[in-house]
Protein backbone atom coordinates (compact mmCIF):
# COMPACT_ATOMS: atom_id res chain seq x y z
CA PRO A 1 0.06 0.02 0.06
CA ARG A 2 1.18 3.45 -0.84
CA ILE A 3 1.42 6.03 1.91
CA SER A 4 1.39 9.77 1.38
CA VAL A 5 3.77 12.23 2.85
CA GLU A 6 0.74 13.92 4.47
CA SER A 7 -0.16 10.82 6.42
CA LEU A 8 3.40 10.45 7.77
CA THR A 9 3.48 13.99 9.29
CA HIS A 10 1.21 13.11 12.19
CA THR A 11 2.82 9.88 13.25
CA THR A 12 4.03 9.43 16.75
CA ARG A 13 7.29 7.71 17.86
CA PRO A 14 7.20 4.79 20.27
CA PHE A 15 6.62 5.97 23.72
CA SER A 16 6.48 9.58 22.34
CA PHE A 17 10.25 9.54 22.31
CA TRP A 18 11.75 12.82 21.45
CA GLN A 19 8.48 14.52 20.84
CA TRP A 20 7.98 17.64 23.16
CA HIS A 21 4.54 19.07 23.57
CA SER A 22 6.03 22.18 25.10
CA TYR A 23 9.42 23.88 25.47
CA THR A 24 9.06 23.36 29.34
CA GLN A 25 9.01 19.54 28.78
CA TYR A 26 12.21 19.83 26.62
CA ILE A 27 13.91 21.93 29.34
CA GLU A 28 12.80 19.37 31.98
CA PHE A 29 14.35 16.62 29.84
CA LEU A 30 17.58 18.45 29.50
CA ALA A 31 17.79 19.04 33.25
CA GLY A 32 17.14 15.24 33.88
CA PHE A 33 19.67 14.36 31.38
CA MET A 34 22.22 16.62 32.97
CA TYR A 35 21.42 15.22 36.44
CA VAL A 36 21.80 11.67 35.29
CA THR A 37 25.16 12.68 33.54
CA LEU A 38 26.41 14.30 36.76
CA CYS A 39 25.39 11.22 38.83
CA LEU A 40 27.31 8.92 36.48
CA ALA A 41 30.40 11.19 36.54
CA ILE A 42 30.37 11.12 40.36
CA LEU A 43 29.96 7.45 40.33
CA PHE A 44 32.85 7.19 37.85
CA LEU A 45 35.04 9.26 40.14
CA ILE A 46 34.28 7.03 43.07
CA PHE A 47 34.27 3.58 41.38
CA GLY A 48 36.32 4.43 38.30
CA ARG A 49 39.13 2.04 39.20
CA SER A 50 36.87 -0.91 39.75
CA ASP A 51 36.87 -3.37 36.86
CA VAL A 52 33.32 -4.46 37.70
CA PHE A 53 31.98 -0.90 37.49
CA VAL A 54 33.76 -0.18 34.20
CA SER A 55 32.50 -3.47 32.68
CA ILE A 56 28.91 -2.75 33.80
CA LEU A 57 29.16 0.84 32.40
CA GLY A 58 30.56 -0.55 29.15
CA PHE A 59 27.77 -3.14 28.84
CA VAL A 60 25.12 -0.37 29.58
CA ALA A 61 26.71 2.05 26.93
CA LEU A 62 27.26 -0.53 24.28
CA GLY A 63 23.74 -2.02 24.87
CA LEU A 64 22.20 1.48 24.38
CA GLU A 65 24.24 1.92 21.27
CA SER A 66 23.38 -1.32 19.84
CA THR A 67 19.57 -0.88 20.33
CA LEU A 68 19.46 2.53 18.58
CA PRO A 69 17.70 1.15 15.40
CA ILE A 70 14.79 -0.36 17.38
CA PRO A 71 12.60 2.79 17.51
CA GLN A 72 12.96 3.02 13.62
CA LEU A 73 12.02 -0.58 13.24
CA ILE A 74 8.85 -0.22 15.49
CA SER A 75 7.94 2.95 13.44
CA ASN A 76 8.31 1.12 10.23
CA TYR A 77 6.39 -1.89 11.50
CA LYS A 78 3.45 0.22 12.67
CA GLN A 79 3.37 2.19 9.29
CA ARG A 80 3.81 -1.08 7.35
CA SER A 81 6.06 0.91 5.18
CA LEU A 82 9.74 1.97 4.68
CA TYR A 83 8.68 5.17 3.15
CA GLY A 84 11.25 7.85 4.03
CA PHE A 85 13.81 5.25 5.20
CA ARG A 86 16.97 5.65 3.19
CA MET A 87 18.76 2.52 1.78
CA SER A 88 22.04 4.37 2.55
CA THR A 89 21.14 4.23 6.20
CA LEU A 90 20.59 0.60 6.17
CA ILE A 91 23.85 -0.02 4.17
CA GLY A 92 25.67 2.18 6.47
CA TRP A 93 24.40 0.36 9.68
CA VAL A 94 25.06 -3.18 8.26
CA GLY A 95 28.41 -2.26 6.80
CA GLY A 96 29.73 -0.34 9.84
CA ASP A 97 28.40 -2.86 12.38
CA THR A 98 30.01 -5.79 10.34
CA PHE A 99 33.44 -4.12 10.23
CA LYS A 100 33.10 -3.19 13.93
CA ALA A 101 32.19 -6.85 14.80
CA VAL A 102 35.15 -8.24 12.82
CA TYR A 103 37.54 -5.75 14.47
CA PHE A 104 36.32 -6.50 17.87
CA PHE A 105 36.90 -10.33 17.51
CA VAL A 106 40.26 -9.94 15.70
CA GLN A 107 41.57 -7.55 18.31
CA HIS A 108 40.29 -9.60 21.26
CA SER A 109 38.34 -6.73 22.62
CA PRO A 110 36.64 -6.98 25.90
CA LEU A 111 33.60 -9.25 26.20
CA GLN A 112 30.97 -6.45 26.25
CA PHE A 113 32.09 -5.28 22.89
CA GLN A 114 31.88 -8.71 21.37
CA VAL A 115 28.46 -9.28 22.79
CA CYS A 116 26.97 -6.01 21.49
CA ALA A 117 28.59 -6.46 18.11
CA VAL A 118 26.89 -9.96 17.81
CA PHE A 119 23.62 -8.42 18.86
CA GLN A 120 23.82 -5.62 16.26
């Protein structure tokens, strides 16, 4: 089925992610983001020499990075269309992630890098 540009302008993202209904909500998000970043910085100053903390932080960071395409996939599934999704984006994701995975395994990178590379 063909989808017009007009019908795509009023779509919502999963969980209304990154869609602010007011400027105040955007400022509140930025304040919360800065608070979380500050807390992580303080935790890093306290536990930065702990291998366990650094490994957990690595798993969380790489886990977030490896799941970035999921909202796009959900949006495409709900619309039952790939309208507006560029093939160059897909090729970039697949190509970049493939090279990254090979690099992580060849260089014997830490486990969290290898796990996230396989997931991607």
